[in-house]
Amino acid sequence: MKNMIPAWEDGKLKPIDKLEVHRRALRHKAISVFIIVGNKTLVQRRALTKYHTPGLWANACCTHPHWDEEPRDCAARRLKEELGVTTSLDFIYRNQIEYKADVGNGLVEHELVDIFTLKTDDIKNINIDINFAEVMAVRWVSFKDLKNDIIKNPAEFTPWLRIYLTEYVDQILAK
């Protein structure tokens, strides 16, 4: 069964197969979630079985909504699927960001992304149960250290995380 996501073709939003969207570099909807505890954020290392950017570090969660799925519902669904995250915290809608990046193997992400954060000062508010089919590892890192890591070793990070941390970090961290 094809995974149909919302993408624009000839100026019209319609459901198109996700792989086709990436092959044709079509502009499409996406979500990204940052989980922030104090001054640290959770990053995940993508599983080696991912069809693009395998083994690279990304923010807590990023994906594409299903056709007719609300962004907030998509964020909660995918956090549960990838990281087993269950929380009573409210998602904070941050901004909509558009970017275009080559993700290898002839695939392009051209995303209109709804950015969400989950913020807390107590790590006990975040329960994680990693789905190793999706995620190899996770780690907590300060935004300062993450930005420095991206500068020193950009090839270890997904293109979108590099873009978010170099161009949009102030919007992501806004109070």
C-alpha atoms as a PDB file:
ATOM      1  CA  MET A   1       0.000   0.000   0.000  1.00  0.00           C
ATOM      2  CA  LYS A   2       1.299   3.424  -0.898  1.00  0.00           C
ATOM      3  CA  ASN A   3       1.890   6.069   1.755  1.00  0.00           C
ATOM      4  CA  MET A   4      -0.067   9.074   0.498  1.00  0.00           C
ATOM      5  CA  ILE A   5       0.988  12.457   1.844  1.00  0.00           C
ATOM      6  CA  PRO A   6      -0.246  16.004   1.135  1.00  0.00           C
ATOM      7  CA  ALA A   7       1.830  17.547  -1.659  1.00  0.00           C
ATOM      8  CA  TRP A   8       1.413  20.307  -4.198  1.00  0.00           C
ATOM      9  CA  GLU A   9       1.310  19.389  -7.858  1.00  0.00           C
ATOM     10  CA  ASP A  10       0.516  22.048 -10.454  1.00  0.00           C
ATOM     11  CA  GLY A  11      -0.374  24.431  -7.614  1.00  0.00           C
ATOM     12  CA  LYS A  12      -2.955  22.068  -6.126  1.00  0.00           C
ATOM     13  CA  LEU A  13      -2.678  20.173  -2.801  1.00  0.00           C
ATOM     14  CA  LYS A  14      -3.443  16.491  -3.249  1.00  0.00           C
ATOM     15  CA  PRO A  15      -2.469  13.053  -1.920  1.00  0.00           C
ATOM     16  CA  ILE A  16       0.660  11.732  -3.628  1.00  0.00           C
ATOM     17  CA  ASP A  17       2.853   8.734  -2.806  1.00  0.00           C
ATOM     18  CA  LYS A  18       5.628   9.789  -0.402  1.00  0.00           C
ATOM     19  CA  LEU A  19       8.482   8.266  -2.416  1.00  0.00           C
ATOM     20  CA  GLU A  20       7.200   9.888  -5.609  1.00  0.00           C
ATOM     21  CA  VAL A  21       7.011  13.241  -3.799  1.00  0.00           C
ATOM     22  CA  HIS A  22      10.696  12.937  -2.836  1.00  0.00           C
ATOM     23  CA  ARG A  23      11.800  11.730  -6.266  1.00  0.00           C
ATOM     24  CA  ARG A  24      10.037  14.657  -7.966  1.00  0.00           C
ATOM     25  CA  ALA A  25      11.068  17.201  -5.284  1.00  0.00           C
ATOM     26  CA  LEU A  26       7.446  18.277  -4.833  1.00  0.00           C
ATOM     27  CA  ARG A  27       6.639  20.738  -2.077  1.00  0.00           C
ATOM     28  CA  HIS A  28       4.809  18.846   0.675  1.00  0.00           C
ATOM     29  CA  LYS A  29       3.556  19.068   4.245  1.00  0.00           C
ATOM     30  CA  ALA A  30       5.625  17.866   7.190  1.00  0.00           C
ATOM     31  CA  ILE A  31       5.943  18.184  10.959  1.00  0.00           C
ATOM     32  CA  SER A  32       8.977  18.402  13.223  1.00  0.00           C
ATOM     33  CA  VAL A  33       9.022  18.084  16.997  1.00  0.00           C
ATOM     34  CA  PHE A  34      11.648  19.251  19.449  1.00  0.00           C
ATOM     35  CA  ILE A  35      11.493  17.828  22.972  1.00  0.00           C
ATOM     36  CA  ILE A  36      13.168  20.259  25.347  1.00  0.00           C
ATOM     37  CA  VAL A  37      14.007  19.560  28.982  1.00  0.00           C
ATOM     38  CA  GLY A  38      15.642  22.526  30.654  1.00  0.00           C
ATOM     39  CA  ASN A  39      18.395  23.629  28.273  1.00  0.00           C
ATOM     40  CA  LYS A  40      18.686  20.277  26.452  1.00  0.00           C
ATOM     41  CA  THR A  41      16.902  18.772  23.484  1.00  0.00           C
ATOM     42  CA  LEU A  42      16.416  15.153  22.516  1.00  0.00           C
ATOM     43  CA  VAL A  43      18.011  14.082  19.244  1.00  0.00           C
ATOM     44  CA  GLN A  44      17.598  10.731  17.547  1.00  0.00           C
ATOM     45  CA  ARG A  45      19.897   8.787  15.275  1.00  0.00           C
ATOM     46  CA  ARG A  46      17.836   7.467  12.387  1.00  0.00           C
ATOM     47  CA  ALA A  47      17.780   3.700  11.810  1.00  0.00           C
ATOM     48  CA  LEU A  48      20.038   2.333   9.086  1.00  0.00           C
ATOM     49  CA  THR A  49      16.952   0.934   7.324  1.00  0.00           C
ATOM     50  CA  LYS A  50      15.525   4.414   6.567  1.00  0.00           C
ATOM     51  CA  TYR A  51      15.214   5.036   2.810  1.00  0.00           C
ATOM     52  CA  HIS A  52      16.992   8.372   3.137  1.00  0.00           C
ATOM     53  CA  THR A  53      19.475   9.859   5.597  1.00  0.00           C
ATOM     54  CA  PRO A  54      19.990   6.557   7.490  1.00  0.00           C
ATOM     55  CA  GLY A  55      22.239   6.740  10.544  1.00  0.00           C
ATOM     56  CA  LEU A  56      22.140  10.538  10.727  1.00  0.00           C
ATOM     57  CA  TRP A  57      21.139  12.553  13.777  1.00  0.00           C
ATOM     58  CA  ALA A  58      17.843  14.463  13.655  1.00  0.00           C
ATOM     59  CA  ASN A  59      15.578  16.270  16.084  1.00  0.00           C
ATOM     60  CA  ALA A  60      13.230  14.180  18.250  1.00  0.00           C
ATOM     61  CA  CYS A  61      10.724  13.522  15.487  1.00  0.00           C
ATOM     62  CA  CYS A  62       9.985  14.540  11.905  1.00  0.00           C
ATOM     63  CA  THR A  63       7.535  13.061   9.458  1.00  0.00           C
ATOM     64  CA  HIS A  64       4.782  13.701   6.955  1.00  0.00           C
ATOM     65  CA  PRO A  65       1.125  13.800   7.912  1.00  0.00           C
ATOM     66  CA  HIS A  66      -1.213  11.367   6.235  1.00  0.00           C
ATOM     67  CA  TRP A  67      -3.706  12.913   3.848  1.00  0.00           C
ATOM     68  CA  ASP A  68      -6.330  14.758   5.957  1.00  0.00           C
ATOM     69  CA  GLU A  69      -4.347  14.301   9.219  1.00  0.00           C
ATOM     70  CA  GLU A  70      -3.976  17.374  11.419  1.00  0.00           C
ATOM     71  CA  PRO A  71      -0.335  18.375  12.102  1.00  0.00           C
ATOM     72  CA  ARG A  72      -0.719  18.167  15.909  1.00  0.00           C
ATOM     73  CA  ASP A  73      -2.262  14.681  15.636  1.00  0.00           C
ATOM     74  CA  CYS A  74       0.551  13.644  13.297  1.00  0.00           C
ATOM     75  CA  ALA A  75       3.182  14.873  15.769  1.00  0.00           C
ATOM     76  CA  ALA A  76       1.650  12.870  18.635  1.00  0.00           C
ATOM     77  CA  ARG A  77       1.240   9.761  16.456  1.00  0.00           C
ATOM     78  CA  ARG A  78       4.774   9.758  15.161  1.00  0.00           C
ATOM     79  CA  LEU A  79       6.381  10.484  18.545  1.00  0.00           C
ATOM     80  CA  LYS A  80       4.603   7.397  19.853  1.00  0.00           C
ATOM     81  CA  GLU A  81       5.554   5.269  16.813  1.00  0.00           C
ATOM     82  CA  GLU A  82       9.247   6.229  16.782  1.00  0.00           C
ATOM     83  CA  LEU A  83      10.099   6.933  20.406  1.00  0.00           C
ATOM     84  CA  GLY A  84       7.166   5.513  22.350  1.00  0.00           C
ATOM     85  CA  VAL A  85       6.757   8.972  23.856  1.00  0.00           C
ATOM     86  CA  THR A  86       3.700   9.396  25.977  1.00  0.00           C
ATOM     87  CA  THR A  87       3.228  12.618  27.851  1.00  0.00           C
ATOM     88  CA  SER A  88       0.559  14.878  29.231  1.00  0.00           C
ATOM     89  CA  LEU A  89       2.506  17.919  28.043  1.00  0.00           C
ATOM     90  CA  ASP A  90       0.905  20.173  25.455  1.00  0.00           C
ATOM     91  CA  PHE A  91       2.503  20.620  22.066  1.00  0.00           C
ATOM     92  CA  ILE A  92       3.464  24.250  21.499  1.00  0.00           C
ATOM     93  CA  TYR A  93       3.047  25.301  17.892  1.00  0.00           C
ATOM     94  CA  ARG A  94       6.085  27.371  16.910  1.00  0.00           C
ATOM     95  CA  ASN A  95       6.088  28.281  13.287  1.00  0.00           C
ATOM     96  CA  GLN A  96       5.860  27.077   9.736  1.00  0.00           C
ATOM     97  CA  ILE A  97       9.201  26.736   7.967  1.00  0.00           C
ATOM     98  CA  GLU A  98       9.860  25.964   4.326  1.00  0.00           C
ATOM     99  CA  TYR A  99      13.103  24.441   3.119  1.00  0.00           C
ATOM    100  CA  LYS A 100      14.461  22.364   0.247  1.00  0.00           C
ATOM    101  CA  ALA A 101      17.347  19.918   0.687  1.00  0.00           C
ATOM    102  CA  ASP A 102      18.943  17.047  -1.190  1.00  0.00           C
ATOM    103  CA  VAL A 103      18.738  13.961   1.052  1.00  0.00           C
ATOM    104  CA  GLY A 104      20.710  11.629  -1.231  1.00  0.00           C
ATOM    105  CA  ASN A 105      19.884   8.838  -3.683  1.00  0.00           C
ATOM    106  CA  GLY A 106      18.091  11.239  -6.031  1.00  0.00           C
ATOM    107  CA  LEU A 107      15.620  12.298  -3.321  1.00  0.00           C
ATOM    108  CA  VAL A 108      14.720  15.818  -2.219  1.00  0.00           C
ATOM    109  CA  GLU A 109      12.823  17.102   0.806  1.00  0.00           C
ATOM    110  CA  HIS A 110      10.918  20.251  -0.157  1.00  0.00           C
ATOM    111  CA  GLU A 111       8.896  20.709   2.979  1.00  0.00           C
ATOM    112  CA  LEU A 112       6.447  23.142   4.461  1.00  0.00           C
ATOM    113  CA  VAL A 113       6.996  22.118   8.085  1.00  0.00           C
ATOM    114  CA  ASP A 114       4.864  22.766  11.145  1.00  0.00           C
ATOM    115  CA  ILE A 115       7.317  23.001  14.058  1.00  0.00           C
ATOM    116  CA  PHE A 116       6.198  21.903  17.525  1.00  0.00           C
ATOM    117  CA  THR A 117       7.958  21.755  20.879  1.00  0.00           C
ATOM    118  CA  LEU A 118       7.285  19.810  24.036  1.00  0.00           C
ATOM    119  CA  LYS A 119       8.881  21.719  26.907  1.00  0.00           C
ATOM    120  CA  THR A 120       9.398  20.784  30.544  1.00  0.00           C
ATOM    121  CA  ASP A 121      11.904  21.290  33.344  1.00  0.00           C
ATOM    122  CA  ASP A 122      11.422  17.737  34.644  1.00  0.00           C
ATOM    123  CA  ILE A 123      12.634  14.785  32.562  1.00  0.00           C
ATOM    124  CA  LYS A 124      10.129  12.571  34.409  1.00  0.00           C
ATOM    125  CA  ASN A 125       7.421  14.205  32.268  1.00  0.00           C
ATOM    126  CA  ILE A 126       8.859  12.456  29.181  1.00  0.00           C
ATOM    127  CA  ASN A 127       8.695   8.657  28.913  1.00  0.00           C
ATOM    128  CA  ILE A 128      10.722   7.137  26.057  1.00  0.00           C
ATOM    129  CA  ASP A 129      10.492   3.588  24.677  1.00  0.00           C
ATOM    130  CA  ILE A 130      12.539   3.522  21.449  1.00  0.00           C
ATOM    131  CA  ASN A 131      11.268   1.661  18.390  1.00  0.00           C
ATOM    132  CA  PHE A 132      14.587   0.339  17.067  1.00  0.00           C
ATOM    133  CA  ALA A 133      13.102  -0.244  13.612  1.00  0.00           C
ATOM    134  CA  GLU A 134      12.913   3.553  13.348  1.00  0.00           C
ATOM    135  CA  VAL A 135      15.601   4.897  15.690  1.00  0.00           C
ATOM    136  CA  MET A 136      19.118   3.618  16.471  1.00  0.00           C
ATOM    137  CA  ALA A 137      19.815   5.815  19.478  1.00  0.00           C
ATOM    138  CA  VAL A 138      18.821   8.952  21.315  1.00  0.00           C
ATOM    139  CA  ARG A 139      20.712  11.470  23.375  1.00  0.00           C
ATOM    140  CA  TRP A 140      20.055  14.675  25.274  1.00  0.00           C
ATOM    141  CA  VAL A 141      22.241  17.586  24.225  1.00  0.00           C
ATOM    142  CA  SER A 142      22.273  21.312  24.883  1.00  0.00           C
ATOM    143  CA  PHE A 143      21.384  23.496  21.911  1.00  0.00           C
ATOM    144  CA  LYS A 144      24.806  25.157  22.207  1.00  0.00           C
ATOM    145  CA  ASP A 145      26.640  21.818  22.025  1.00  0.00           C
ATOM    146  CA  LEU A 146      24.372  20.629  19.218  1.00  0.00           C
ATOM    147  CA  LYS A 147      25.081  23.749  17.150  1.00  0.00           C
ATOM    148  CA  ASN A 148      28.820  23.244  17.729  1.00  0.00           C
ATOM    149  CA  ASP A 149      28.577  19.549  16.758  1.00  0.00           C
ATOM    150  CA  ILE A 150      26.774  20.494  13.556  1.00  0.00           C
ATOM    151  CA  ILE A 151      29.495  23.024  12.678  1.00  0.00           C
ATOM    152  CA  LYS A 152      32.299  20.506  13.371  1.00  0.00           C
ATOM    153  CA  ASN A 153      30.635  17.403  11.851  1.00  0.00           C
ATOM    154  CA  PRO A 154      27.822  18.466   9.495  1.00  0.00           C
ATOM    155  CA  ALA A 155      27.770  15.112   7.659  1.00  0.00           C
ATOM    156  CA  GLU A 156      26.557  13.395  10.854  1.00  0.00           C
ATOM    157  CA  PHE A 157      23.293  15.365  10.885  1.00  0.00           C
ATOM    158  CA  THR A 158      20.226  15.472   8.651  1.00  0.00           C
ATOM    159  CA  PRO A 159      19.982  18.454   6.317  1.00  0.00           C
ATOM    160  CA  TRP A 160      16.804  19.673   8.030  1.00  0.00           C
ATOM    161  CA  LEU A 161      18.365  19.666  11.507  1.00  0.00           C
ATOM    162  CA  ARG A 162      21.320  21.653  10.149  1.00  0.00           C
ATOM    163  CA  ILE A 163      18.858  24.144   8.623  1.00  0.00           C
ATOM    164  CA  TYR A 164      16.730  24.382  11.783  1.00  0.00           C
ATOM    165  CA  LEU A 165      19.724  24.978  14.069  1.00  0.00           C
ATOM    166  CA  THR A 166      21.476  27.490  11.837  1.00  0.00           C
ATOM    167  CA  GLU A 167      18.470  29.485  10.596  1.00  0.00           C
ATOM    168  CA  TYR A 168      15.514  28.967  12.947  1.00  0.00           C
ATOM    169  CA  VAL A 169      16.770  28.147  16.456  1.00  0.00           C
ATOM    170  CA  ASP A 170      15.462  31.420  17.933  1.00  0.00           C
ATOM    171  CA  GLN A 171      11.946  30.611  16.718  1.00  0.00           C
ATOM    172  CA  ILE A 172      12.165  27.064  18.071  1.00  0.00           C
ATOM    173  CA  LEU A 173      13.318  28.274  21.491  1.00  0.00           C
ATOM    174  CA  ALA A 174      10.956  31.275  21.733  1.00  0.00           C
ATOM    175  CA  LYS A 175       9.133  31.495  25.054  1.00  0.00           C
END
